N, C-alpha and C. Protein backbone atom coordinates (compact mmCIF):
# COMPACT_ATOMS: atom_id res chain seq x y z
N MET A 1 192.17 -69.69 -196.96
CA MET A 1 192.82 -68.73 -196.31
C MET A 1 194.40 -68.83 -196.63
N SER A 2 195.09 -67.17 -196.78
CA SER A 2 196.63 -67.39 -197.26
C SER A 2 197.24 -68.05 -195.63
N ALA A 3 198.43 -68.26 -195.82
CA ALA A 3 199.35 -68.86 -195.08
C ALA A 3 199.63 -67.86 -193.90
N ALA A 4 199.87 -66.36 -194.35
CA ALA A 4 200.01 -65.42 -193.59
C ALA A 4 198.75 -64.90 -192.95
N ARG A 5 197.53 -64.90 -193.23
CA ARG A 5 196.18 -65.06 -192.52
C ARG A 5 196.31 -65.91 -191.67
N THR A 6 196.33 -67.03 -191.99
CA THR A 6 196.15 -68.54 -190.90
C THR A 6 197.13 -68.00 -190.01
N ALA A 7 198.41 -68.10 -189.99
CA ALA A 7 199.25 -67.66 -189.12
C ALA A 7 198.95 -66.42 -188.21
N ALA A 8 198.10 -65.40 -189.04
CA ALA A 8 197.96 -64.55 -188.12
C ALA A 8 196.70 -64.29 -186.95
N THR A 9 195.85 -65.42 -187.52
CA THR A 9 194.72 -65.40 -187.04
C THR A 9 195.16 -66.79 -185.66
N VAL A 10 195.74 -67.44 -185.93
CA VAL A 10 196.49 -68.30 -185.01
C VAL A 10 196.92 -67.68 -183.91
N PHE A 11 198.15 -66.50 -184.31
CA PHE A 11 198.65 -66.30 -183.08
C PHE A 11 197.70 -65.11 -182.30
N VAL A 12 196.96 -64.55 -182.68
CA VAL A 12 196.14 -63.62 -182.14
C VAL A 12 195.34 -64.30 -181.34
N ALA A 13 194.24 -65.44 -181.87
CA ALA A 13 193.61 -66.50 -181.23
C ALA A 13 194.60 -67.09 -179.98
N PHE A 14 195.75 -67.32 -179.95
CA PHE A 14 196.75 -67.68 -179.13
C PHE A 14 196.87 -67.20 -178.20
N LEU A 15 197.14 -65.77 -178.18
CA LEU A 15 197.46 -64.69 -177.17
C LEU A 15 196.13 -64.20 -176.43
N LEU A 16 194.97 -64.30 -176.91
CA LEU A 16 193.53 -64.07 -176.36
C LEU A 16 193.14 -65.15 -175.51
N SER A 17 193.71 -66.48 -175.76
CA SER A 17 193.49 -67.76 -175.29
C SER A 17 194.29 -67.93 -173.74
N ASN A 18 195.35 -67.46 -173.79
CA ASN A 18 196.45 -67.45 -173.01
C ASN A 18 196.08 -66.36 -171.81
N LEU A 19 195.44 -65.30 -172.59
CA LEU A 19 195.16 -64.25 -171.51
C LEU A 19 193.84 -64.38 -170.74
N PHE A 20 192.82 -65.24 -171.50
CA PHE A 20 191.66 -65.61 -170.69
C PHE A 20 192.10 -66.64 -169.53
N ALA A 21 192.93 -67.31 -169.96
CA ALA A 21 193.63 -68.38 -169.18
C ALA A 21 193.76 -67.81 -167.69
N VAL A 22 194.87 -67.02 -167.84
CA VAL A 22 195.52 -66.21 -167.01
C VAL A 22 194.60 -65.44 -166.28
N VAL A 23 193.60 -64.68 -166.65
CA VAL A 23 192.54 -63.88 -166.09
C VAL A 23 191.60 -64.61 -165.40
N ILE A 24 191.05 -65.70 -165.92
CA ILE A 24 190.08 -66.73 -165.32
C ILE A 24 190.66 -67.57 -164.41
N HIS A 25 191.66 -68.48 -164.32
CA HIS A 25 192.23 -69.38 -163.44
C HIS A 25 193.22 -68.93 -162.55
N GLY A 26 193.91 -67.72 -163.14
CA GLY A 26 194.85 -67.27 -162.59
C GLY A 26 194.46 -66.09 -161.30
N PHE A 27 193.60 -65.49 -161.70
CA PHE A 27 192.67 -64.47 -160.85
C PHE A 27 191.26 -64.91 -160.43
N ILE A 28 190.46 -64.91 -161.21
CA ILE A 28 189.12 -65.17 -160.98
C ILE A 28 188.89 -66.06 -160.01
N LEU A 29 189.39 -67.39 -160.34
CA LEU A 29 189.36 -68.41 -159.60
C LEU A 29 190.23 -68.68 -158.67
N ALA A 30 191.47 -68.13 -158.49
CA ALA A 30 192.46 -68.34 -157.84
C ALA A 30 191.93 -68.28 -156.33
N ALA A 31 191.25 -67.73 -155.67
CA ALA A 31 190.76 -67.95 -154.28
C ALA A 31 190.18 -69.62 -154.32
N ASP A 32 189.34 -69.80 -155.12
CA ASP A 32 188.51 -71.08 -155.35
C ASP A 32 189.37 -72.48 -155.52
N TYR A 33 190.81 -71.80 -156.27
CA TYR A 33 191.64 -72.91 -156.39
C TYR A 33 192.49 -73.29 -155.26
N GLU A 34 192.73 -72.14 -154.37
CA GLU A 34 193.64 -72.40 -153.61
C GLU A 34 193.68 -73.76 -152.57
N PRO A 35 192.35 -74.24 -152.02
CA PRO A 35 192.50 -75.31 -151.04
C PRO A 35 193.37 -76.59 -151.71
N TYR A 36 193.02 -76.35 -153.23
CA TYR A 36 193.39 -77.66 -153.82
C TYR A 36 194.76 -77.49 -154.42
N ARG A 37 195.55 -76.70 -153.96
CA ARG A 37 196.83 -76.69 -154.45
C ARG A 37 197.86 -77.60 -153.83
N GLY A 38 198.69 -78.39 -154.21
CA GLY A 38 199.11 -79.39 -153.46
C GLY A 38 198.66 -80.84 -153.70
N THR A 39 197.43 -80.81 -154.01
CA THR A 39 196.72 -82.12 -153.76
C THR A 39 195.75 -82.09 -155.41
N LEU A 40 194.97 -81.51 -155.77
CA LEU A 40 194.50 -82.09 -156.88
C LEU A 40 195.53 -80.81 -158.03
N LEU A 41 195.88 -79.94 -157.53
CA LEU A 41 196.42 -79.01 -158.21
C LEU A 41 198.03 -78.73 -158.29
N ARG A 42 198.72 -78.42 -158.90
CA ARG A 42 200.36 -78.54 -158.47
C ARG A 42 200.58 -77.40 -157.93
N ASP A 43 201.43 -77.39 -156.86
CA ASP A 43 201.68 -76.36 -155.99
C ASP A 43 203.30 -75.66 -156.49
N PHE A 44 202.66 -74.19 -157.01
CA PHE A 44 203.75 -73.37 -157.85
C PHE A 44 204.78 -73.11 -156.95
N ALA A 45 204.85 -73.10 -156.02
CA ALA A 45 205.39 -72.28 -154.81
C ALA A 45 206.95 -72.09 -154.82
N GLY A 46 207.57 -73.50 -155.17
CA GLY A 46 208.75 -73.21 -155.72
C GLY A 46 209.47 -72.97 -156.96
N GLY A 47 208.44 -72.28 -157.77
CA GLY A 47 208.31 -71.90 -159.03
C GLY A 47 207.79 -72.94 -159.95
N PRO A 48 207.09 -72.50 -160.74
CA PRO A 48 206.98 -73.54 -161.96
C PRO A 48 207.66 -74.86 -162.60
N GLY A 49 207.01 -75.86 -162.19
CA GLY A 49 208.12 -76.99 -163.19
C GLY A 49 207.82 -77.14 -164.34
N TRP A 50 208.58 -77.97 -165.10
CA TRP A 50 208.47 -78.15 -166.57
C TRP A 50 207.38 -78.26 -167.05
N GLN A 51 206.22 -78.77 -166.17
CA GLN A 51 204.95 -78.90 -166.57
C GLN A 51 204.35 -77.64 -166.95
N ALA A 52 204.71 -76.62 -166.69
CA ALA A 52 204.06 -75.33 -166.91
C ALA A 52 204.32 -74.74 -168.31
N LEU A 53 205.27 -75.41 -168.79
CA LEU A 53 205.43 -75.15 -170.51
C LEU A 53 204.66 -75.95 -171.13
N LEU A 54 203.59 -76.73 -170.63
CA LEU A 54 202.61 -77.57 -171.38
C LEU A 54 201.49 -76.55 -171.82
N LEU A 55 201.27 -75.84 -170.68
CA LEU A 55 200.05 -74.97 -170.82
C LEU A 55 199.82 -73.98 -172.25
N PRO A 56 200.95 -73.10 -172.65
CA PRO A 56 200.80 -72.72 -173.95
C PRO A 56 200.77 -73.55 -174.98
N VAL A 57 201.29 -74.82 -174.67
CA VAL A 57 201.34 -76.01 -175.84
C VAL A 57 199.94 -76.27 -176.10
N ALA A 58 199.07 -76.55 -174.98
CA ALA A 58 197.98 -76.87 -175.08
C ALA A 58 196.68 -75.81 -175.70
N HIS A 59 197.44 -74.63 -175.28
CA HIS A 59 196.43 -73.36 -176.22
C HIS A 59 196.46 -73.31 -177.46
N LEU A 60 197.80 -73.44 -177.56
CA LEU A 60 198.40 -73.44 -179.07
C LEU A 60 197.57 -74.61 -180.11
N CYS A 61 197.61 -75.74 -179.14
CA CYS A 61 197.12 -76.88 -179.98
C CYS A 61 195.35 -76.59 -180.23
N PHE A 62 194.91 -75.77 -179.41
CA PHE A 62 193.20 -75.62 -179.34
C PHE A 62 193.15 -74.80 -180.40
N VAL A 63 193.68 -73.32 -180.14
CA VAL A 63 193.62 -72.66 -181.59
C VAL A 63 193.73 -72.74 -182.88
N SER A 64 195.12 -73.72 -182.98
CA SER A 64 195.35 -74.29 -184.35
C SER A 64 194.28 -75.21 -185.08
N ALA A 65 193.50 -76.17 -184.61
CA ALA A 65 192.78 -76.88 -184.22
C ALA A 65 191.64 -76.12 -184.92
N LEU A 66 191.25 -74.90 -183.97
CA LEU A 66 189.46 -74.21 -184.18
C LEU A 66 190.15 -73.39 -185.49
N VAL A 67 191.25 -72.86 -186.12
CA VAL A 67 191.71 -72.13 -187.19
C VAL A 67 191.26 -73.38 -188.39
N TRP A 68 191.95 -74.06 -188.19
CA TRP A 68 191.87 -75.39 -189.42
C TRP A 68 190.17 -75.39 -189.28
N ILE A 69 189.60 -75.82 -188.37
CA ILE A 69 188.22 -76.19 -188.86
C ILE A 69 187.33 -75.11 -189.22
N TYR A 70 187.87 -73.81 -188.58
CA TYR A 70 186.68 -72.95 -189.40
C TYR A 70 187.28 -72.31 -191.09
N SER A 71 188.59 -72.76 -191.50
CA SER A 71 188.59 -72.89 -192.47
C SER A 71 187.98 -73.64 -193.70
N ARG A 72 187.18 -74.93 -192.78
CA ARG A 72 187.12 -75.98 -193.59
C ARG A 72 185.58 -76.06 -193.70
N MET A 73 185.05 -75.28 -192.59
CA MET A 73 183.44 -75.49 -192.55
C MET A 73 182.76 -74.67 -192.84
N SER A 74 181.19 -75.09 -193.23
CA SER A 74 180.50 -74.35 -193.75
C SER A 74 179.36 -73.73 -192.72
N LEU A 75 179.34 -72.34 -192.22
CA LEU A 75 178.46 -71.85 -191.16
C LEU A 75 177.65 -70.85 -191.92
N ASP A 76 176.64 -70.59 -191.56
CA ASP A 76 175.82 -69.49 -192.43
C ASP A 76 175.78 -68.54 -191.33
N GLY A 77 175.03 -67.57 -191.45
CA GLY A 77 175.25 -66.24 -190.68
C GLY A 77 175.90 -64.89 -190.81
N SER A 78 175.80 -64.08 -190.14
CA SER A 78 176.65 -63.02 -190.55
C SER A 78 178.07 -63.16 -189.74
N LEU A 79 179.45 -62.26 -190.08
CA LEU A 79 180.39 -62.72 -189.51
C LEU A 79 180.49 -63.05 -187.62
N ILE A 80 179.55 -62.41 -187.12
CA ILE A 80 179.57 -62.44 -185.73
C ILE A 80 178.84 -63.69 -185.47
N VAL A 81 177.71 -63.81 -186.31
CA VAL A 81 177.17 -65.51 -185.72
C VAL A 81 177.73 -66.49 -186.17
N ARG A 82 178.88 -66.61 -187.01
CA ARG A 82 179.65 -67.67 -187.56
C ARG A 82 180.96 -67.81 -186.44
N GLY A 83 181.67 -66.49 -185.94
CA GLY A 83 182.32 -67.03 -184.73
C GLY A 83 181.46 -67.09 -183.55
N LEU A 84 180.48 -66.76 -183.24
CA LEU A 84 179.71 -67.42 -182.22
C LEU A 84 179.47 -68.56 -182.07
N LYS A 85 179.08 -69.23 -183.65
CA LYS A 85 178.85 -70.42 -183.64
C LYS A 85 180.14 -71.24 -183.15
N LEU A 86 181.43 -70.92 -184.06
CA LEU A 86 182.60 -71.69 -183.76
C LEU A 86 183.01 -71.78 -182.39
N GLY A 87 182.75 -70.68 -181.46
CA GLY A 87 182.92 -70.46 -180.35
C GLY A 87 182.26 -71.62 -179.39
N LEU A 88 180.79 -71.71 -179.73
CA LEU A 88 180.13 -72.75 -179.02
C LEU A 88 180.60 -74.06 -179.55
N ILE A 89 180.94 -74.61 -180.75
CA ILE A 89 181.52 -75.71 -180.87
C ILE A 89 182.57 -76.34 -180.43
N ALA A 90 183.40 -75.02 -180.09
CA ALA A 90 184.77 -74.88 -179.71
C ALA A 90 184.62 -75.51 -177.90
N TRP A 91 183.70 -74.86 -177.30
CA TRP A 91 183.49 -75.16 -175.98
C TRP A 91 182.61 -76.68 -175.88
N LEU A 92 181.83 -76.95 -176.62
CA LEU A 92 180.93 -78.03 -176.70
C LEU A 92 182.27 -79.55 -176.64
N VAL A 93 183.10 -79.62 -177.68
CA VAL A 93 183.96 -80.29 -177.96
C VAL A 93 185.29 -80.24 -177.02
N GLY A 94 185.80 -78.79 -176.04
CA GLY A 94 186.96 -79.07 -175.82
C GLY A 94 186.36 -79.03 -174.28
N GLN A 95 186.10 -77.36 -174.00
CA GLN A 95 186.28 -77.09 -172.54
C GLN A 95 185.17 -77.99 -171.72
N ALA A 96 183.84 -78.29 -172.22
CA ALA A 96 182.63 -78.66 -171.36
C ALA A 96 183.41 -80.24 -171.30
N PRO A 97 183.45 -80.73 -172.10
CA PRO A 97 183.96 -82.43 -171.80
C PRO A 97 185.16 -82.53 -170.82
N LEU A 98 185.99 -81.46 -171.26
CA LEU A 98 187.38 -81.43 -169.64
C LEU A 98 186.65 -81.23 -168.28
N TRP A 99 185.85 -80.52 -168.29
CA TRP A 99 185.66 -79.79 -166.85
C TRP A 99 185.05 -80.83 -166.39
N LEU A 100 184.06 -81.26 -167.46
CA LEU A 100 182.90 -82.13 -166.70
C LEU A 100 183.27 -83.50 -166.29
N ILE A 101 184.56 -84.20 -167.05
CA ILE A 101 185.20 -85.27 -166.71
C ILE A 101 185.87 -84.98 -165.34
N TRP A 102 186.54 -83.87 -165.39
CA TRP A 102 187.22 -83.64 -164.22
C TRP A 102 186.74 -83.60 -162.83
N TYR A 103 185.46 -83.03 -163.10
CA TYR A 103 184.21 -83.16 -161.99
C TYR A 103 183.74 -84.28 -161.59
N SER A 104 183.49 -85.33 -162.42
CA SER A 104 183.30 -86.74 -162.42
C SER A 104 184.19 -87.48 -161.74
N GLU A 105 185.31 -87.02 -161.71
CA GLU A 105 186.64 -87.93 -161.18
C GLU A 105 187.20 -87.31 -159.92
N GLN A 106 187.03 -85.89 -159.78
CA GLN A 106 187.97 -85.23 -158.59
C GLN A 106 186.66 -84.24 -158.02
N PRO A 107 186.98 -84.22 -156.52
CA PRO A 107 186.26 -83.70 -155.60
C PRO A 107 185.98 -82.25 -155.70
N TRP A 108 185.85 -81.67 -156.82
CA TRP A 108 185.47 -80.00 -156.77
C TRP A 108 184.13 -79.87 -156.16
N PRO A 109 184.03 -78.60 -156.00
CA PRO A 109 182.73 -78.23 -155.57
C PRO A 109 181.62 -77.83 -156.60
N ASP A 110 180.37 -78.14 -156.24
CA ASP A 110 179.54 -77.49 -157.72
C ASP A 110 179.80 -76.15 -158.09
N SER A 111 179.68 -75.25 -157.14
CA SER A 111 179.83 -73.95 -157.48
C SER A 111 181.33 -73.57 -158.51
N LEU A 112 182.11 -74.52 -158.22
CA LEU A 112 183.39 -74.19 -158.86
C LEU A 112 183.14 -74.41 -160.09
N ILE A 113 182.94 -75.73 -160.77
CA ILE A 113 182.81 -76.34 -161.77
C ILE A 113 181.85 -75.46 -162.93
N ILE A 114 180.53 -74.96 -161.84
CA ILE A 114 179.68 -74.05 -162.77
C ILE A 114 180.06 -72.43 -163.00
N LYS A 115 180.86 -72.08 -162.30
CA LYS A 115 182.20 -71.06 -162.83
C LYS A 115 182.80 -71.19 -163.54
N GLN A 116 183.53 -72.60 -163.50
CA GLN A 116 184.77 -72.82 -164.70
C GLN A 116 183.90 -72.85 -165.91
N LEU A 117 182.79 -73.60 -166.25
CA LEU A 117 181.84 -73.82 -167.24
C LEU A 117 181.49 -72.48 -167.85
N GLY A 118 180.75 -71.76 -167.12
CA GLY A 118 180.60 -70.56 -167.71
C GLY A 118 181.61 -69.63 -168.11
N LEU A 119 182.43 -69.60 -167.26
CA LEU A 119 183.69 -68.48 -167.53
C LEU A 119 184.49 -68.91 -168.92
N GLU A 120 184.60 -70.43 -168.94
CA GLU A 120 185.09 -70.87 -170.38
C GLU A 120 184.34 -70.92 -171.54
N LEU A 121 182.81 -71.05 -171.23
CA LEU A 121 181.95 -70.63 -172.21
C LEU A 121 182.15 -69.20 -172.89
N LEU A 122 182.66 -67.93 -171.89
CA LEU A 122 182.67 -67.17 -172.40
C LEU A 122 183.85 -66.95 -173.31
N SER A 123 185.05 -67.44 -172.51
CA SER A 123 186.46 -67.17 -173.20
C SER A 123 186.23 -67.95 -174.58
N SER A 124 185.54 -69.11 -174.77
CA SER A 124 185.49 -69.70 -176.12
C SER A 124 184.47 -68.90 -177.25
N LEU A 125 183.77 -68.54 -176.62
CA LEU A 125 182.80 -67.42 -177.74
C LEU A 125 183.80 -66.24 -177.93
N ALA A 126 184.36 -65.80 -176.86
CA ALA A 126 185.09 -64.69 -177.52
C ALA A 126 186.61 -65.23 -178.76
N ILE A 127 187.04 -66.29 -178.40
CA ILE A 127 188.16 -66.75 -179.28
C ILE A 127 187.52 -67.43 -180.76
N GLY A 128 186.41 -67.95 -180.41
CA GLY A 128 185.42 -68.45 -181.95
C GLY A 128 185.21 -66.71 -182.82
N LEU A 129 185.02 -65.75 -181.97
CA LEU A 129 184.58 -64.55 -182.56
C LEU A 129 185.84 -63.93 -182.95
N THR A 130 186.88 -64.09 -182.47
CA THR A 130 188.40 -63.55 -182.91
C THR A 130 188.54 -64.05 -184.04
N ILE A 131 188.88 -65.06 -184.31
CA ILE A 131 189.19 -66.52 -185.21
C ILE A 131 188.11 -65.74 -186.35
N ALA A 132 186.90 -65.79 -186.29
CA ALA A 132 186.28 -65.46 -187.57
C ALA A 132 186.70 -64.04 -187.99
N VAL A 133 187.07 -62.83 -187.21
CA VAL A 133 187.04 -61.62 -187.45
C VAL A 133 188.67 -61.57 -188.12
N VAL A 134 189.39 -62.21 -187.48
CA VAL A 134 190.83 -61.90 -188.07
C VAL A 134 191.05 -62.80 -189.26
N SER A 135 190.50 -63.63 -189.31
CA SER A 135 190.61 -64.56 -190.75
C SER A 135 189.85 -64.27 -192.09
N GLN A 136 188.44 -63.16 -191.67
CA GLN A 136 187.72 -62.64 -192.58
C GLN A 136 187.60 -63.59 -193.83
N LEU A 137 186.80 -64.80 -193.53
CA LEU A 137 187.08 -65.70 -194.34
C LEU A 137 185.19 -65.21 -194.68
N PRO A 138 184.86 -65.12 -196.18
CA PRO A 138 183.59 -65.12 -196.50
C PRO A 138 182.69 -65.95 -196.11
N ALA A 139 181.52 -65.91 -196.10
CA ALA A 139 180.44 -66.95 -195.73
C ALA A 139 180.27 -67.78 -196.77
N ARG A 140 179.80 -69.04 -196.71
CA ARG A 140 179.91 -69.77 -197.33
C ARG A 140 178.52 -70.71 -197.34
N GLN A 141 178.09 -71.16 -198.47
CA GLN A 141 176.59 -71.12 -198.67
C GLN A 141 176.33 -72.64 -198.10
N VAL A 142 175.64 -72.88 -197.22
CA VAL A 142 175.70 -74.07 -196.69
C VAL A 142 174.48 -75.18 -197.54
N VAL A 143 175.27 -76.24 -198.09
CA VAL A 143 174.53 -76.76 -199.25
C VAL A 143 173.94 -78.12 -198.58
N SER A 144 172.40 -78.37 -198.53
CA SER A 144 172.01 -79.47 -198.23
C SER A 144 172.14 -80.50 -199.17
N ARG A 145 172.38 -81.79 -198.89
CA ARG A 145 172.52 -82.57 -199.85
C ARG A 145 171.47 -83.83 -199.50
N ALA A 146 171.28 -84.45 -200.66
CA ALA A 146 170.15 -85.53 -200.71
C ALA A 146 170.69 -86.47 -200.52
N VAL A 147 170.08 -87.31 -199.42
CA VAL A 147 170.47 -88.67 -199.29
C VAL A 147 169.88 -89.59 -199.87
N THR A 148 170.68 -90.21 -200.63
CA THR A 148 170.38 -91.26 -201.61
C THR A 148 170.58 -92.87 -200.80
N VAL A 149 169.67 -93.62 -201.12
CA VAL A 149 170.10 -94.97 -200.43
C VAL A 149 169.76 -96.30 -201.80
């Protein structure tokens, strides 16, 4: 993949990742988060602190790594199938462990963690699909290797 195509893919996936984060956590789950503002969650009543700058940095790290991984891995199937596989991989190594760790350490309600995991799965699938579509990488042959001992 060319540098321009890589940059375009990262840019589009970055925008989508931030959009999903705002919609999911800023609107859909906002009422669920309200009892935890100022305790488990930062209270941005006085305006966002410098820590809010880390949110887009985290999204940039996430999508940059996904684009890098996608450009180097062999996935079989159509473009859509490859994108959905990437999204599932992203959710399994990124979002699912994050929310499950937080759930094990913090008193989140069961219903909230289920919403977080489900919505983040949809987000990851959409981001993976976007990366596959924008990058336009052709399908690679998955070659099984014989293991010799």
